[in-house]
Amino acid sequence: MQGPRSAILLLLFFISYSSYAQDLPDKAAAVTNFPSHFFSKIENRIAGLDDQLTHQTKKYLERMRKREQRMYNKLYKKDSAAAKTLFAGSIGQYDALSRKLVSDTGGGSLHINGEYQAYTDSLQGMLKFLKNDGAAGSLSQLRALEAKMQDADQIKEFVRQRKQQISQYVQQHSGLSNLLGKDYQGMNQDIYYYSQQVRQYKEMLNDPDKLTKQALAILGKLPAFQAFMKQNSQLAGLFNLPSNYGDPASLSGLQTRDQVAALIQQQVSAGGAGGAAALQANLQSAQSQLDGYKDKLSKLGGGSGDIDLPDFKPNEQKTKTFWKRLEYGTNFQTTRNNSYFPTVSDFGLSVGYKLSDRSIIGLGASYKLGWGNGIQHIAFSSQGMGLRSFVEVKLKGSFSLSGGWEYNHTRPFASYQQLRRWDEWTHSGLIGVSKTVSMKSRVFKKTKVQLLWDFLSYQQVPKGQAVVFRVGYNF
């Protein structure tokens, strides 16, 4: 309840504040009183990203240090002088970079590096503008995180340079490609995956929650805050905005839109009757090429300006956290009644772990609900339980190869003790195909149908259903 309460307090404050703020000087209007848990929430979010970035970067540096150590040991046995020259001091630099990252508190000057983070700039400006203990603590943590983001970029650049140096040496000595090949090739994969992780952390930092968006929106209406951001934001420092930015006088000497349009028209007219058609054709060609480049950039790095081009097929799941690689699902199947069983429906739940973009493994369980022996004899009963394991590999398009191993308790039970009789459980081995059905409904967008063959059904006593049809949904 802390989040909604903070939002209400924040809203009430600004509603009451706006009624008299216009009569006060801008300096007095800058005094605001945010709830204390507003800053606590910001600090917790920043601290979480800081811990993740620090942990992943230390792992990355340790992995790269071990790679260079292995290459040094291999090369030293063949050419000790070359090994000392190529790897002199580089192994120790990984430890130095790790220590710098851990101890960096953002005390030095920060600058825009790579893609401009609009929200981060606004958040930093808001914390600078609000002069109280809560804002000061949050600002200190934010500056430390931004400093570590820059450290991460420097680490990536250092490893790129090391890879280039090793690459040049390997090219000059063809006999070393097999000796150093495995670790050398692994460096490019490590660089790519680490770059993707850092980009994700930057995107998470640049994605405000609802309460912070609301605070920035309301605060952005204050003239004092607007003037403050014109002078103190990262963007203002990058473009050196004039002190009278926003006033008509600041546009003096710049061409207006009408002047630019007239200049273009003059150039088109000089081209004769076909000038306009040629311009239109060139614009369409340029737009088509731009769209193609944007699509490639999006696939490689989500539009980020910090992209490492991989020479392998990346596994995009590798940079995600354990929880983000989980996929939950539910499904059901119905078995017709026979001389042994009533009509039974299996309702299953599952959780899968994505090994890659094309494969997933998981576990699940099911409950068997009995419906009776016909429309005239409807009777609900507990007809058993099931324990499942499964694996899926994408084939082509929306089709996947599916398989699994299951244990099923196929007898009615009234208590948990009955389920502990393992001799009453039967084995099922399933293999078949799955198809994800594209549906217009957002709720059932990931509907999946499966056709499976239970190749162990012929050994079951009593014999079970050989062909299994299931309908499920993943989320």
Protein backbone atom coordinates (compact mmCIF):
# COMPACT_ATOMS: atom_id res chain seq x y z
CA MET A 1 0.00 0.00 0.00
CA GLN A 2 3.04 2.30 0.21
CA GLY A 3 3.05 3.02 -3.53
CA PRO A 4 -0.61 4.21 -3.84
CA ARG A 5 -0.31 6.14 -0.58
CA SER A 6 2.79 7.95 -1.87
CA ALA A 7 1.02 8.79 -5.11
CA ILE A 8 -1.98 10.22 -3.24
CA LEU A 9 0.21 12.31 -0.91
CA LEU A 10 2.21 13.55 -3.88
CA LEU A 11 -0.93 14.48 -5.77
CA LEU A 12 -2.55 16.27 -2.81
CA PHE A 13 0.62 18.25 -2.21
CA PHE A 14 0.88 19.51 -5.76
CA ILE A 15 -2.85 20.28 -5.99
CA SER A 16 -2.65 22.45 -2.87
CA TYR A 17 0.73 23.82 -3.89
CA SER A 18 -0.33 24.91 -7.39
CA SER A 19 -3.09 27.13 -5.97
CA TYR A 20 -0.60 29.61 -4.56
CA ALA A 21 2.70 28.85 -6.31
CA GLN A 22 2.01 31.44 -9.03
CA ASP A 23 2.09 34.23 -6.43
CA LEU A 24 5.51 33.19 -5.11
CA PRO A 25 8.93 33.77 -6.64
CA ASP A 26 10.37 30.86 -8.59
CA LYS A 27 12.94 30.26 -5.88
CA ALA A 28 10.27 29.77 -3.27
CA ALA A 29 8.26 27.63 -5.66
CA ALA A 30 11.21 25.24 -5.85
CA VAL A 31 10.69 24.08 -2.25
CA THR A 32 8.80 20.77 -2.44
CA ASN A 33 8.05 18.07 0.09
CA PHE A 34 8.02 14.61 -1.41
CA PRO A 35 7.05 11.59 0.74
CA SER A 36 10.08 9.81 2.20
CA HIS A 37 9.16 6.43 0.67
CA PHE A 38 9.23 8.03 -2.78
CA PHE A 39 13.01 8.38 -2.46
CA SER A 40 13.31 4.97 -0.77
CA LYS A 41 11.67 3.40 -3.80
CA ILE A 42 14.11 5.15 -6.14
CA GLU A 43 17.08 4.09 -4.00
CA ASN A 44 15.96 0.44 -3.89
CA ARG A 45 15.56 0.33 -7.66
CA ILE A 46 18.96 1.92 -8.31
CA ALA A 47 20.66 -0.28 -5.70
CA GLY A 48 19.22 -3.41 -7.35
CA LEU A 49 20.57 -2.40 -10.77
CA ASP A 50 23.92 -1.49 -9.22
CA ASP A 51 24.24 -4.93 -7.61
CA GLN A 52 23.33 -6.73 -10.84
CA LEU A 53 25.73 -4.69 -12.96
CA THR A 54 28.60 -5.10 -10.48
CA HIS A 55 28.03 -8.86 -10.11
CA GLN A 56 27.81 -9.53 -13.85
CA THR A 57 30.81 -7.33 -14.65
CA LYS A 58 33.02 -9.03 -12.06
CA LYS A 59 32.03 -12.44 -13.50
CA TYR A 60 32.78 -11.20 -17.01
CA LEU A 61 36.19 -9.81 -16.06
CA GLU A 62 37.10 -13.02 -14.24
CA ARG A 63 36.09 -15.10 -17.26
CA MET A 64 38.16 -12.94 -19.61
CA ARG A 65 41.16 -13.03 -17.25
CA LYS A 66 41.02 -16.85 -17.20
CA ARG A 67 40.79 -16.94 -21.01
CA GLU A 68 43.93 -14.83 -21.38
CA GLN A 69 45.69 -16.88 -18.70
CA ARG A 70 44.96 -20.11 -20.60
CA MET A 71 46.15 -18.57 -23.89
CA TYR A 72 49.31 -17.31 -22.17
CA ASN A 73 50.08 -20.77 -20.76
CA LYS A 74 49.59 -22.44 -24.14
CA LEU A 75 51.67 -19.87 -26.03
CA TYR A 76 54.40 -19.85 -23.37
CA LYS A 77 55.13 -23.54 -23.99
CA LYS A 78 55.68 -22.80 -27.68
CA ASP A 79 57.19 -19.30 -27.60
CA SER A 80 57.83 -17.83 -24.15
CA ALA A 81 59.06 -14.47 -25.49
CA ALA A 82 55.94 -13.99 -27.62
CA ALA A 83 53.71 -14.97 -24.72
CA LYS A 84 55.32 -12.36 -22.47
CA THR A 85 55.02 -9.69 -25.17
CA LEU A 86 51.42 -10.40 -26.09
CA PHE A 87 50.08 -10.86 -22.58
CA ALA A 88 52.41 -8.60 -20.60
CA GLY A 89 50.41 -6.81 -17.94
CA SER A 90 47.03 -7.51 -19.54
CA ILE A 91 46.03 -10.21 -17.06
CA GLY A 92 46.62 -7.88 -14.13
CA GLN A 93 44.58 -5.12 -15.79
CA TYR A 94 41.42 -7.23 -15.43
CA ASP A 95 41.85 -7.22 -11.67
CA ALA A 96 42.51 -3.47 -11.71
CA LEU A 97 39.34 -2.84 -13.72
CA SER A 98 37.32 -4.97 -11.30
CA ARG A 99 38.63 -3.00 -8.29
CA LYS A 100 37.88 0.31 -10.00
CA LEU A 101 34.31 -0.77 -10.74
CA VAL A 102 33.60 -1.82 -7.15
CA SER A 103 35.04 1.34 -5.62
CA ASP A 104 33.63 3.86 -8.12
CA THR A 105 31.16 6.18 -6.35
CA GLY A 106 30.66 8.65 -9.19
CA GLY A 107 32.80 11.37 -7.65
CA GLY A 108 34.34 12.32 -10.98
CA SER A 109 32.73 14.18 -13.85
CA LEU A 110 30.18 12.24 -15.88
CA HIS A 111 29.40 12.75 -19.55
CA ILE A 112 26.97 11.38 -22.09
CA ASN A 113 28.44 8.13 -23.43
CA GLY A 114 26.60 6.38 -26.24
CA GLU A 115 22.83 6.67 -26.42
CA TYR A 116 21.26 9.62 -24.57
CA GLN A 117 19.10 8.40 -21.64
CA ALA A 118 16.29 10.94 -21.43
CA TYR A 119 14.62 9.63 -18.29
CA THR A 120 17.90 9.22 -16.43
CA ASP A 121 18.78 12.83 -17.26
CA SER A 122 15.36 14.01 -16.01
CA LEU A 123 15.62 11.92 -12.84
CA GLN A 124 19.06 13.28 -12.06
CA GLY A 125 17.83 16.83 -12.67
CA MET A 126 14.84 16.27 -10.37
CA LEU A 127 17.05 14.96 -7.55
CA LYS A 128 19.42 17.90 -7.92
CA PHE A 129 16.49 20.31 -7.92
CA LEU A 130 14.92 18.88 -4.77
CA LYS A 131 17.20 19.91 -1.94
CA ASN A 132 16.51 17.50 0.92
CA ASP A 133 18.18 14.48 2.53
CA GLY A 134 16.11 11.94 0.61
CA ALA A 135 16.96 13.46 -2.77
CA ALA A 136 20.66 13.77 -1.87
CA GLY A 137 20.91 10.06 -1.01
CA SER A 138 19.12 8.99 -4.19
CA LEU A 139 21.26 11.34 -6.29
CA SER A 140 24.44 9.87 -4.80
CA GLN A 141 23.35 6.33 -5.67
CA LEU A 142 22.30 7.37 -9.18
CA ARG A 143 25.65 9.03 -9.86
CA ALA A 144 27.46 5.91 -8.64
CA LEU A 145 25.39 3.72 -10.96
CA GLU A 146 25.98 6.03 -13.93
CA ALA A 147 29.71 5.94 -13.18
CA LYS A 148 29.66 2.14 -13.19
CA MET A 149 27.77 2.19 -16.49
CA GLN A 150 30.65 4.23 -17.92
CA ASP A 151 33.15 1.84 -16.33
CA ALA A 152 31.34 -1.02 -18.08
CA ASP A 153 31.70 0.77 -21.42
CA GLN A 154 35.43 1.25 -20.78
CA ILE A 155 35.76 -2.44 -19.89
CA LYS A 156 34.09 -3.45 -23.15
CA GLU A 157 36.43 -1.19 -25.10
CA PHE A 158 39.47 -2.63 -23.32
CA VAL A 159 38.44 -6.19 -24.15
CA ARG A 160 37.76 -5.23 -27.77
CA GLN A 161 41.28 -3.85 -28.04
CA ARG A 162 42.72 -7.01 -26.46
CA LYS A 163 40.79 -9.17 -28.91
CA GLN A 164 42.08 -7.07 -31.81
CA GLN A 165 45.68 -7.36 -30.62
CA ILE A 166 45.40 -11.15 -30.23
CA SER A 167 43.66 -11.39 -33.62
CA GLN A 168 46.49 -9.55 -35.36
CA TYR A 169 49.07 -11.82 -33.77
CA VAL A 170 47.15 -14.98 -34.73
CA GLN A 171 46.83 -13.77 -38.33
CA GLN A 172 50.58 -13.19 -38.53
CA HIS A 173 51.27 -16.68 -37.15
CA SER A 174 48.90 -19.11 -38.87
CA GLY A 175 50.05 -22.06 -36.79
CA LEU A 176 48.54 -20.51 -33.65
CA SER A 177 44.92 -20.56 -34.80
CA ASN A 178 44.43 -24.10 -33.48
CA LEU A 179 46.48 -23.46 -30.35
CA LEU A 180 44.56 -20.34 -29.21
CA GLY A 181 41.41 -20.83 -31.27
CA LYS A 182 38.92 -21.95 -28.63
CA ASP A 183 39.55 -19.19 -26.11
CA TYR A 184 40.10 -16.58 -28.81
CA GLN A 185 36.75 -17.37 -30.43
CA GLY A 186 35.09 -17.38 -27.02
CA MET A 187 36.17 -13.78 -26.43
CA ASN A 188 33.82 -12.51 -29.14
CA GLN A 189 30.88 -14.35 -27.60
CA ASP A 190 31.70 -12.99 -24.15
CA ILE A 191 31.93 -9.42 -25.50
CA TYR A 192 28.58 -9.73 -27.25
CA TYR A 193 26.68 -11.21 -24.30
CA TYR A 194 28.14 -8.75 -21.83
CA SER A 195 27.26 -5.82 -24.13
CA GLN A 196 23.69 -7.09 -24.31
CA GLN A 197 23.47 -7.31 -20.53
CA VAL A 198 24.77 -3.77 -20.04
CA ARG A 199 22.28 -2.52 -22.63
CA GLN A 200 19.46 -4.21 -20.72
CA TYR A 201 20.54 -2.54 -17.48
CA LYS A 202 20.57 0.84 -19.22
CA GLU A 203 17.08 0.23 -20.58
CA MET A 204 15.87 -0.78 -17.11
CA LEU A 205 17.35 2.40 -15.63
CA ASN A 206 15.72 4.46 -18.38
CA ASP A 207 12.27 2.92 -17.77
CA PRO A 208 10.49 4.91 -15.00
CA ASP A 209 7.76 3.48 -12.83
CA LYS A 210 4.30 5.06 -12.66
CA LEU A 211 4.93 7.09 -9.51
CA THR A 212 8.17 8.63 -10.83
CA LYS A 213 6.52 9.49 -14.15
CA GLN A 214 3.78 11.27 -12.27
CA ALA A 215 6.27 13.21 -10.13
CA LEU A 216 8.28 14.30 -13.18
CA ALA A 217 5.13 15.32 -15.07
CA ILE A 218 3.90 17.52 -12.23
CA LEU A 219 7.33 18.90 -11.42
CA GLY A 220 7.91 19.68 -15.08
CA LYS A 221 5.11 22.27 -14.97
CA LEU A 222 6.98 24.44 -12.45
CA PRO A 223 8.81 27.38 -14.12
CA ALA A 224 11.65 27.05 -11.61
CA PHE A 225 12.27 23.41 -12.58
CA GLN A 226 12.09 24.22 -16.30
CA ALA A 227 14.70 26.95 -15.88
CA PHE A 228 16.86 24.63 -13.77
CA MET A 229 16.85 21.86 -16.41
CA LYS A 230 17.76 24.33 -19.17
CA GLN A 231 20.99 25.08 -17.35
CA ASN A 232 21.84 21.81 -15.57
CA SER A 233 20.66 18.84 -17.65
CA GLN A 234 23.09 16.63 -19.54
CA LEU A 235 21.43 17.66 -22.82
CA ALA A 236 21.96 21.34 -22.03
CA GLY A 237 25.63 20.66 -21.37
CA LEU A 238 25.97 18.70 -24.62
CA PHE A 239 24.48 21.40 -26.86
CA ASN A 240 25.49 24.43 -24.76
CA LEU A 241 21.97 25.87 -24.82
CA PRO A 242 21.80 29.69 -24.51
CA SER A 243 20.57 31.26 -21.28
CA ASN A 244 17.54 32.67 -23.10
CA TYR A 245 16.58 29.25 -24.55
CA GLY A 246 12.84 29.16 -25.22
CA ASP A 247 12.55 32.90 -25.92
CA PRO A 248 11.98 34.16 -29.49
CA ALA A 249 15.25 36.13 -29.19
CA SER A 250 17.21 32.86 -28.96
CA LEU A 251 16.17 32.00 -32.56
CA SER A 252 17.84 35.07 -34.01
CA GLY A 253 19.95 34.19 -37.04
CA LEU A 254 18.39 30.74 -37.56
CA GLN A 255 16.52 29.84 -40.73
CA THR A 256 12.76 29.46 -40.41
CA ARG A 257 10.82 26.53 -41.81
CA ASP A 258 9.43 28.72 -44.61
CA GLN A 259 12.94 29.82 -45.59
CA VAL A 260 14.13 26.20 -45.75
CA ALA A 261 11.08 25.19 -47.82
CA ALA A 262 11.68 28.06 -50.25
CA LEU A 263 15.33 27.02 -50.65
CA ILE A 264 14.31 23.41 -51.43
CA GLN A 265 11.71 24.60 -53.94
CA GLN A 266 14.35 26.73 -55.65
CA GLN A 267 16.68 23.74 -55.99
CA VAL A 268 13.87 21.52 -57.35
CA SER A 269 12.85 24.14 -59.93
CA ALA A 270 16.44 24.34 -61.14
CA GLY A 271 16.19 20.68 -62.06
CA GLY A 272 13.55 21.30 -64.68
CA ALA A 273 10.31 19.37 -65.29
CA GLY A 274 11.70 16.13 -63.89
CA GLY A 275 13.19 17.72 -60.78
CA ALA A 276 10.25 17.02 -58.47
CA ALA A 277 9.90 13.42 -59.70
CA ALA A 278 13.64 12.79 -59.23
CA LEU A 279 13.53 14.24 -55.72
CA GLN A 280 10.54 12.08 -54.81
CA ALA A 281 12.22 8.95 -56.17
CA ASN A 282 15.42 9.70 -54.23
CA LEU A 283 13.48 10.30 -51.04
CA GLN A 284 11.61 7.01 -51.38
CA SER A 285 14.87 5.15 -52.06
CA ALA A 286 16.52 6.78 -49.06
CA GLN A 287 13.54 5.98 -46.83
CA SER A 288 13.60 2.34 -47.94
CA GLN A 289 17.31 2.04 -47.14
CA LEU A 290 16.84 3.78 -43.80
CA ASP A 291 14.04 1.38 -42.84
CA GLY A 292 16.30 -1.54 -43.74
CA TYR A 293 19.13 -0.22 -41.58
CA LYS A 294 16.76 0.45 -38.69
CA ASP A 295 15.45 -3.11 -38.91
CA LYS A 296 18.99 -4.54 -38.84
CA LEU A 297 19.98 -2.32 -35.93
CA SER A 298 16.86 -3.33 -34.02
CA LYS A 299 17.64 -7.03 -34.44
CA LEU A 300 21.27 -6.58 -33.44
CA GLY A 301 20.88 -4.33 -30.46
CA GLY A 302 17.44 -2.84 -30.02
CA GLY A 303 18.46 0.44 -31.64
CA SER A 304 21.30 1.03 -29.24
CA GLY A 305 24.35 2.89 -30.37
CA ASP A 306 26.54 0.38 -28.56
CA ILE A 307 26.42 -2.79 -30.66
CA ASP A 308 28.89 -5.64 -31.09
CA LEU A 309 28.42 -7.51 -34.34
CA PRO A 310 28.57 -11.24 -33.54
CA ASP A 311 30.20 -13.74 -35.88
CA PHE A 312 27.99 -16.49 -34.42
CA LYS A 313 24.29 -17.03 -33.86
CA PRO A 314 23.53 -15.50 -30.46
CA ASN A 315 21.37 -17.13 -27.82
CA GLU A 316 19.27 -14.17 -26.64
CA GLN A 317 18.15 -16.09 -23.54
CA LYS A 318 21.69 -16.21 -22.20
CA THR A 319 21.69 -12.59 -21.02
CA LYS A 320 18.34 -12.87 -19.21
CA THR A 321 17.94 -13.61 -15.53
CA PHE A 322 16.73 -17.02 -14.35
CA TRP A 323 13.21 -15.75 -13.67
CA LYS A 324 12.89 -14.07 -17.07
CA ARG A 325 13.77 -17.35 -18.79
CA LEU A 326 10.82 -19.14 -17.22
CA GLU A 327 7.64 -19.78 -19.20
CA TYR A 328 4.44 -20.88 -17.48
CA GLY A 329 1.69 -22.87 -19.12
CA THR A 330 -1.56 -24.73 -18.67
CA ASN A 331 -3.24 -27.39 -20.80
CA PHE A 332 -6.00 -29.94 -20.77
CA GLN A 333 -6.97 -33.17 -22.50
CA THR A 334 -10.02 -35.40 -22.31
CA THR A 335 -10.14 -39.21 -22.38
CA ARG A 336 -13.36 -40.98 -23.37
CA ASN A 337 -14.91 -43.47 -20.97
CA ASN A 338 -14.44 -47.22 -21.48
CA SER A 339 -14.99 -50.37 -19.47
CA TYR A 340 -12.26 -49.36 -17.04
CA PHE A 341 -12.48 -45.55 -16.77
CA PRO A 342 -15.18 -42.88 -16.78
CA THR A 343 -14.73 -39.79 -18.98
CA VAL A 344 -11.71 -37.99 -17.54
CA SER A 345 -10.21 -34.55 -18.19
CA ASP A 346 -6.58 -33.83 -17.31
CA PHE A 347 -5.89 -30.25 -16.22
CA GLY A 348 -2.16 -29.58 -16.22
CA LEU A 349 0.16 -26.79 -15.06
CA SER A 350 3.78 -26.47 -16.16
CA VAL A 351 6.85 -24.30 -15.85
CA GLY A 352 9.55 -24.37 -18.49
CA TYR A 353 13.11 -23.04 -18.63
CA LYS A 354 14.27 -21.62 -21.97
CA LEU A 355 17.64 -23.09 -22.86
CA SER A 356 17.71 -20.97 -26.02
CA ASP A 357 15.34 -19.12 -28.32
CA ARG A 358 14.43 -22.45 -29.91
CA SER A 359 14.39 -24.96 -27.05
CA ILE A 360 12.78 -25.29 -23.63
CA ILE A 361 12.68 -27.94 -20.91
CA GLY A 362 10.32 -28.11 -17.97
CA LEU A 363 8.27 -29.87 -15.33
CA GLY A 364 4.56 -30.02 -14.61
CA ALA A 365 1.72 -31.72 -12.83
CA SER A 366 -1.86 -32.57 -13.68
CA TYR A 367 -5.12 -33.42 -11.95
CA LYS A 368 -7.55 -35.95 -13.41
CA LEU A 369 -11.20 -34.97 -13.00
CA GLY A 370 -13.81 -37.63 -13.66
CA TRP A 371 -17.15 -36.61 -15.22
CA GLY A 372 -19.04 -39.89 -15.01
CA ASN A 373 -20.22 -42.33 -17.69
CA GLY A 374 -22.44 -40.21 -19.87
CA ILE A 375 -24.90 -37.35 -19.87
CA GLN A 376 -27.30 -39.41 -17.80
CA HIS A 377 -24.67 -40.31 -15.20
CA ILE A 378 -22.69 -37.15 -14.46
CA ALA A 379 -20.59 -37.54 -11.32
CA PHE A 380 -17.48 -35.58 -10.39
CA SER A 381 -14.62 -37.57 -8.88
CA SER A 382 -10.87 -37.47 -8.38
CA GLN A 383 -9.52 -39.98 -10.85
CA GLY A 384 -5.80 -39.47 -10.35
CA MET A 385 -2.77 -37.22 -10.64
CA GLY A 386 0.11 -36.84 -13.04
CA LEU A 387 3.77 -35.76 -12.85
CA ARG A 388 5.31 -34.54 -16.07
CA SER A 389 8.59 -33.57 -17.68
CA PHE A 390 8.87 -32.19 -21.19
CA VAL A 391 11.17 -30.78 -23.85
CA GLU A 392 10.33 -28.73 -26.93
CA VAL A 393 12.48 -27.75 -29.90
CA LYS A 394 11.25 -25.38 -32.60
CA LEU A 395 11.19 -26.88 -36.07
CA LYS A 396 9.94 -24.23 -38.47
CA GLY A 397 7.53 -21.37 -38.10
CA SER A 398 4.98 -22.12 -35.40
CA PHE A 399 5.70 -25.89 -35.31
CA SER A 400 7.79 -27.57 -32.60
CA LEU A 401 8.97 -31.09 -31.85
CA SER A 402 7.65 -32.14 -28.42
CA GLY A 403 8.49 -34.98 -26.11
CA GLY A 404 8.18 -35.95 -22.50
CA TRP A 405 8.18 -38.55 -19.75
CA GLU A 406 5.21 -38.78 -17.41
CA TYR A 407 3.97 -40.70 -14.37
CA ASN A 408 0.20 -41.03 -14.01
CA HIS A 409 -1.89 -42.29 -11.11
CA THR A 410 -4.97 -43.58 -12.92
CA ARG A 411 -7.08 -44.81 -10.03
CA PRO A 412 -9.69 -42.88 -8.03
CA PHE A 413 -8.38 -41.53 -4.74
CA ALA A 414 -9.87 -39.85 -1.71
CA SER A 415 -6.73 -39.04 0.27
CA TYR A 416 -3.07 -38.21 -0.25
CA GLN A 417 -2.01 -41.52 1.31
CA GLN A 418 -3.46 -43.41 -1.67
CA LEU A 419 -1.18 -41.48 -4.04
CA ARG A 420 1.89 -42.79 -2.22
CA ARG A 421 1.35 -46.32 -3.61
CA TRP A 422 3.92 -46.15 -6.41
CA ASP A 423 2.87 -49.51 -7.83
CA GLU A 424 -0.37 -47.84 -8.95
CA TRP A 425 1.43 -45.30 -11.11
CA THR A 426 1.96 -45.95 -14.83
CA HIS A 427 4.69 -44.63 -17.17
CA SER A 428 4.05 -42.67 -20.35
CA GLY A 429 6.58 -41.76 -23.04
CA LEU A 430 5.31 -39.04 -25.36
CA ILE A 431 6.59 -37.72 -28.67
CA GLY A 432 4.85 -35.59 -31.26
CA VAL A 433 4.39 -32.08 -32.65
CA SER A 434 3.07 -28.81 -31.25
CA LYS A 435 1.71 -25.79 -33.06
CA THR A 436 1.21 -22.31 -31.68
CA VAL A 437 -2.06 -21.01 -33.08
CA SER A 438 -2.21 -17.32 -33.98
CA MET A 439 -5.44 -15.96 -32.54
CA LYS A 440 -6.71 -12.38 -32.59
CA SER A 441 -7.65 -12.46 -28.92
CA ARG A 442 -4.89 -11.07 -26.69
CA VAL A 443 -5.86 -13.50 -23.93
CA PHE A 444 -5.42 -16.61 -26.09
CA LYS A 445 -2.61 -15.29 -28.31
CA LYS A 446 -0.23 -18.10 -27.29
CA THR A 447 -2.67 -20.97 -27.61
CA LYS A 448 -0.88 -24.24 -28.32
CA VAL A 449 -2.25 -27.52 -29.68
CA GLN A 450 -0.31 -30.79 -29.33
CA LEU A 451 -0.67 -34.16 -31.01
CA LEU A 452 1.38 -36.76 -29.13
CA TRP A 453 1.97 -40.51 -29.34
CA ASP A 454 2.35 -42.42 -26.08
CA PHE A 455 4.67 -45.23 -27.17
CA LEU A 456 4.51 -46.84 -23.70
CA SER A 457 0.70 -47.05 -23.68
CA TYR A 458 0.82 -50.62 -25.05
CA GLN A 459 2.62 -51.77 -21.89
CA GLN A 460 0.16 -50.15 -19.47
CA VAL A 461 -2.29 -52.28 -17.49
CA PRO A 462 -5.02 -51.51 -18.22
CA LYS A 463 -4.00 -50.19 -21.62
CA GLY A 464 -4.16 -46.40 -21.89
CA GLN A 465 -4.83 -44.04 -24.79
CA ALA A 466 -2.08 -44.20 -27.44
CA VAL A 467 -2.84 -40.87 -29.17
CA VAL A 468 -3.05 -37.80 -26.95
CA PHE A 469 -4.48 -34.45 -28.05
CA ARG A 470 -3.91 -31.47 -25.79
CA VAL A 471 -4.84 -27.80 -25.95
CA GLY A 472 -2.86 -25.35 -23.82
CA TYR A 473 -1.84 -21.77 -23.27
CA ASN A 474 1.57 -20.32 -22.36
CA PHE A 475 2.19 -17.05 -20.58
